[in-house]
Amino acid sequence: MKKDVFLSITGKASIDGELNPEKEISVAFKRLGIYKTEYTDEDVTYKARNLDIITIVTGDDVIKGKPKKSSQSQVLRFKLRDLWEQQWSSEIEFEPFYQKELSKIIEEVNNKLL
């Protein structure tokens, strides 16, 4: 049986105009970062965060937006996910890979301490 696949997008974007809640809108993301994948017996959900500009179209109006600044730890997580996707996704799930890579980084810092 084929699983349902979902995308859940979180975060805030600063936009350069107001929206009319009574109008439908279309939103285009330039770039999203997937920070978590959740599996159940019935479905898969990808949790994503906006990483770049967005474009909102409502009627004849076009509104631009940009994401709230990501923390350094969020940027690191996204970069490690990129590395995992490029080199390791066929060998290990992301979360164990992420924990292993963080442990390496922590160990490097520990080794630099007096």
C-alpha atoms as a PDB file:
ATOM      1  CA  MET A   1       0.000   0.000   0.000  1.00  0.00           C
ATOM      2  CA  LYS A   2       1.372   3.391  -1.001  1.00  0.00           C
ATOM      3  CA  LYS A   3       1.885   5.867   1.850  1.00  0.00           C
ATOM      4  CA  ASP A   4       0.498   9.383   1.791  1.00  0.00           C
ATOM      5  CA  VAL A   5       3.259  12.012   1.677  1.00  0.00           C
ATOM      6  CA  PHE A   6       2.857  15.421   3.328  1.00  0.00           C
ATOM      7  CA  LEU A   7       4.851  18.645   3.550  1.00  0.00           C
ATOM      8  CA  SER A   8       4.521  20.765   6.695  1.00  0.00           C
ATOM      9  CA  ILE A   9       6.040  24.260   6.442  1.00  0.00           C
ATOM     10  CA  THR A  10       6.791  26.272   9.579  1.00  0.00           C
ATOM     11  CA  GLY A  11       8.386  29.587  10.397  1.00  0.00           C
ATOM     12  CA  LYS A  12       7.714  33.242   9.796  1.00  0.00           C
ATOM     13  CA  ALA A  13       8.414  35.556   6.886  1.00  0.00           C
ATOM     14  CA  SER A  14       8.613  39.322   6.936  1.00  0.00           C
ATOM     15  CA  ILE A  15       6.447  40.586   4.046  1.00  0.00           C
ATOM     16  CA  ASP A  16       6.289  44.025   2.460  1.00  0.00           C
ATOM     17  CA  GLY A  17       2.512  44.394   2.461  1.00  0.00           C
ATOM     18  CA  GLU A  18      -0.695  43.384   4.161  1.00  0.00           C
ATOM     19  CA  LEU A  19      -2.885  40.457   3.149  1.00  0.00           C
ATOM     20  CA  ASN A  20      -6.634  40.403   2.770  1.00  0.00           C
ATOM     21  CA  PRO A  21      -7.827  37.370   4.791  1.00  0.00           C
ATOM     22  CA  GLU A  22     -10.900  37.134   2.573  1.00  0.00           C
ATOM     23  CA  LYS A  23      -8.844  36.516  -0.583  1.00  0.00           C
ATOM     24  CA  GLU A  24      -7.106  33.295  -1.572  1.00  0.00           C
ATOM     25  CA  ILE A  25      -3.358  33.561  -1.987  1.00  0.00           C
ATOM     26  CA  SER A  26      -0.651  31.655  -3.821  1.00  0.00           C
ATOM     27  CA  VAL A  27       2.754  31.364  -2.213  1.00  0.00           C
ATOM     28  CA  ALA A  28       5.988  30.474  -4.028  1.00  0.00           C
ATOM     29  CA  PHE A  29       9.061  29.520  -2.012  1.00  0.00           C
ATOM     30  CA  LYS A  30      12.471  29.970  -3.595  1.00  0.00           C
ATOM     31  CA  ARG A  31      14.099  27.495  -1.203  1.00  0.00           C
ATOM     32  CA  LEU A  32      12.921  25.314   1.693  1.00  0.00           C
ATOM     33  CA  GLY A  33      15.036  23.332   4.137  1.00  0.00           C
ATOM     34  CA  ILE A  34      13.711  20.016   5.408  1.00  0.00           C
ATOM     35  CA  TYR A  35      14.690  19.665   9.049  1.00  0.00           C
ATOM     36  CA  LYS A  36      12.770  16.525  10.027  1.00  0.00           C
ATOM     37  CA  THR A  37      11.084  13.526   8.428  1.00  0.00           C
ATOM     38  CA  GLU A  38       8.355  11.676  10.333  1.00  0.00           C
ATOM     39  CA  TYR A  39       7.250   8.186   9.327  1.00  0.00           C
ATOM     40  CA  THR A  40       4.120   6.337  10.389  1.00  0.00           C
ATOM     41  CA  ASP A  41       2.554   3.172   9.019  1.00  0.00           C
ATOM     42  CA  GLU A  42       0.182   5.270   6.900  1.00  0.00           C
ATOM     43  CA  ASP A  43       2.217   8.301   5.841  1.00  0.00           C
ATOM     44  CA  VAL A  44       5.433  10.304   5.622  1.00  0.00           C
ATOM     45  CA  THR A  45       5.604  13.953   6.690  1.00  0.00           C
ATOM     46  CA  TYR A  46       8.458  16.278   5.751  1.00  0.00           C
ATOM     47  CA  LYS A  47       8.850  19.230   8.104  1.00  0.00           C
ATOM     48  CA  ALA A  48      10.331  22.221   6.292  1.00  0.00           C
ATOM     49  CA  ARG A  49      11.312  25.808   6.978  1.00  0.00           C
ATOM     50  CA  ASN A  50      11.557  28.689   4.545  1.00  0.00           C
ATOM     51  CA  LEU A  51      15.196  29.613   3.819  1.00  0.00           C
ATOM     52  CA  ASP A  52      14.855  32.292   1.169  1.00  0.00           C
ATOM     53  CA  ILE A  53      12.517  34.845  -0.375  1.00  0.00           C
ATOM     54  CA  ILE A  54       8.857  34.101  -0.906  1.00  0.00           C
ATOM     55  CA  THR A  55       6.422  35.543  -3.404  1.00  0.00           C
ATOM     56  CA  ILE A  56       2.765  35.923  -2.482  1.00  0.00           C
ATOM     57  CA  VAL A  57       0.178  36.501  -5.208  1.00  0.00           C
ATOM     58  CA  THR A  58      -3.287  37.651  -4.217  1.00  0.00           C
ATOM     59  CA  GLY A  59      -5.467  38.797  -7.091  1.00  0.00           C
ATOM     60  CA  ASP A  60      -3.440  41.400  -8.986  1.00  0.00           C
ATOM     61  CA  ASP A  61      -1.113  42.094  -6.051  1.00  0.00           C
ATOM     62  CA  VAL A  62       2.354  40.573  -5.684  1.00  0.00           C
ATOM     63  CA  ILE A  63       3.967  40.762  -2.261  1.00  0.00           C
ATOM     64  CA  LYS A  64       7.584  39.781  -1.557  1.00  0.00           C
ATOM     65  CA  GLY A  65       8.832  38.382   1.717  1.00  0.00           C
ATOM     66  CA  LYS A  66      11.956  37.058   3.354  1.00  0.00           C
ATOM     67  CA  PRO A  67      12.388  34.526   6.157  1.00  0.00           C
ATOM     68  CA  LYS A  68      13.034  35.396   9.738  1.00  0.00           C
ATOM     69  CA  LYS A  69      16.755  34.962  10.252  1.00  0.00           C
ATOM     70  CA  SER A  70      17.750  31.370  11.064  1.00  0.00           C
ATOM     71  CA  SER A  71      19.930  30.625  14.063  1.00  0.00           C
ATOM     72  CA  GLN A  72      23.419  29.255  13.498  1.00  0.00           C
ATOM     73  CA  SER A  73      22.295  25.871  14.832  1.00  0.00           C
ATOM     74  CA  GLN A  74      19.433  25.794  12.296  1.00  0.00           C
ATOM     75  CA  VAL A  75      21.840  26.647   9.467  1.00  0.00           C
ATOM     76  CA  LEU A  76      24.170  23.860  10.636  1.00  0.00           C
ATOM     77  CA  ARG A  77      21.295  21.366  10.685  1.00  0.00           C
ATOM     78  CA  PHE A  78      20.263  22.336   7.128  1.00  0.00           C
ATOM     79  CA  LYS A  79      23.852  22.052   5.891  1.00  0.00           C
ATOM     80  CA  LEU A  80      24.241  18.639   7.506  1.00  0.00           C
ATOM     81  CA  ARG A  81      20.993  17.547   5.847  1.00  0.00           C
ATOM     82  CA  ASP A  82      22.417  18.684   2.480  1.00  0.00           C
ATOM     83  CA  LEU A  83      25.582  16.655   3.143  1.00  0.00           C
ATOM     84  CA  TRP A  84      23.521  13.629   4.182  1.00  0.00           C
ATOM     85  CA  GLU A  85      21.371  13.852   1.038  1.00  0.00           C
ATOM     86  CA  GLN A  86      24.437  14.107  -1.206  1.00  0.00           C
ATOM     87  CA  GLN A  87      26.541  11.357   0.352  1.00  0.00           C
ATOM     88  CA  TRP A  88      24.833   9.248   3.003  1.00  0.00           C
ATOM     89  CA  SER A  89      21.049   9.033   2.520  1.00  0.00           C
ATOM     90  CA  SER A  90      21.201   5.524   1.061  1.00  0.00           C
ATOM     91  CA  GLU A  91      23.231   4.230   4.022  1.00  0.00           C
ATOM     92  CA  ILE A  92      21.802   5.833   7.166  1.00  0.00           C
ATOM     93  CA  GLU A  93      18.690   7.724   8.304  1.00  0.00           C
ATOM     94  CA  PHE A  94      19.155  11.452   8.834  1.00  0.00           C
ATOM     95  CA  GLU A  95      18.700  11.651  12.628  1.00  0.00           C
ATOM     96  CA  PRO A  96      21.453   9.114  13.475  1.00  0.00           C
ATOM     97  CA  PHE A  97      23.709  10.795  10.899  1.00  0.00           C
ATOM     98  CA  TYR A  98      22.967  14.218  12.413  1.00  0.00           C
ATOM     99  CA  GLN A  99      23.723  13.030  15.957  1.00  0.00           C
ATOM    100  CA  LYS A 100      26.966  11.383  14.810  1.00  0.00           C
ATOM    101  CA  GLU A 101      28.146  14.524  13.001  1.00  0.00           C
ATOM    102  CA  LEU A 102      27.254  16.764  15.966  1.00  0.00           C
ATOM    103  CA  SER A 103      29.232  14.453  18.240  1.00  0.00           C
ATOM    104  CA  LYS A 104      32.250  14.848  15.943  1.00  0.00           C
ATOM    105  CA  ILE A 105      31.958  18.641  16.066  1.00  0.00           C
ATOM    106  CA  ILE A 106      31.651  18.618  19.865  1.00  0.00           C
ATOM    107  CA  GLU A 107      34.673  16.322  20.120  1.00  0.00           C
ATOM    108  CA  GLU A 108      36.721  18.698  17.925  1.00  0.00           C
ATOM    109  CA  VAL A 109      35.860  21.595  20.229  1.00  0.00           C
ATOM    110  CA  ASN A 110      36.646  19.505  23.308  1.00  0.00           C
ATOM    111  CA  ASN A 111      40.056  18.643  21.856  1.00  0.00           C
ATOM    112  CA  LYS A 112      40.863  22.350  21.495  1.00  0.00           C
ATOM    113  CA  LEU A 113      40.133  23.058  25.153  1.00  0.00           C
ATOM    114  CA  LEU A 114      43.027  23.225  27.605  1.00  0.00           C
END
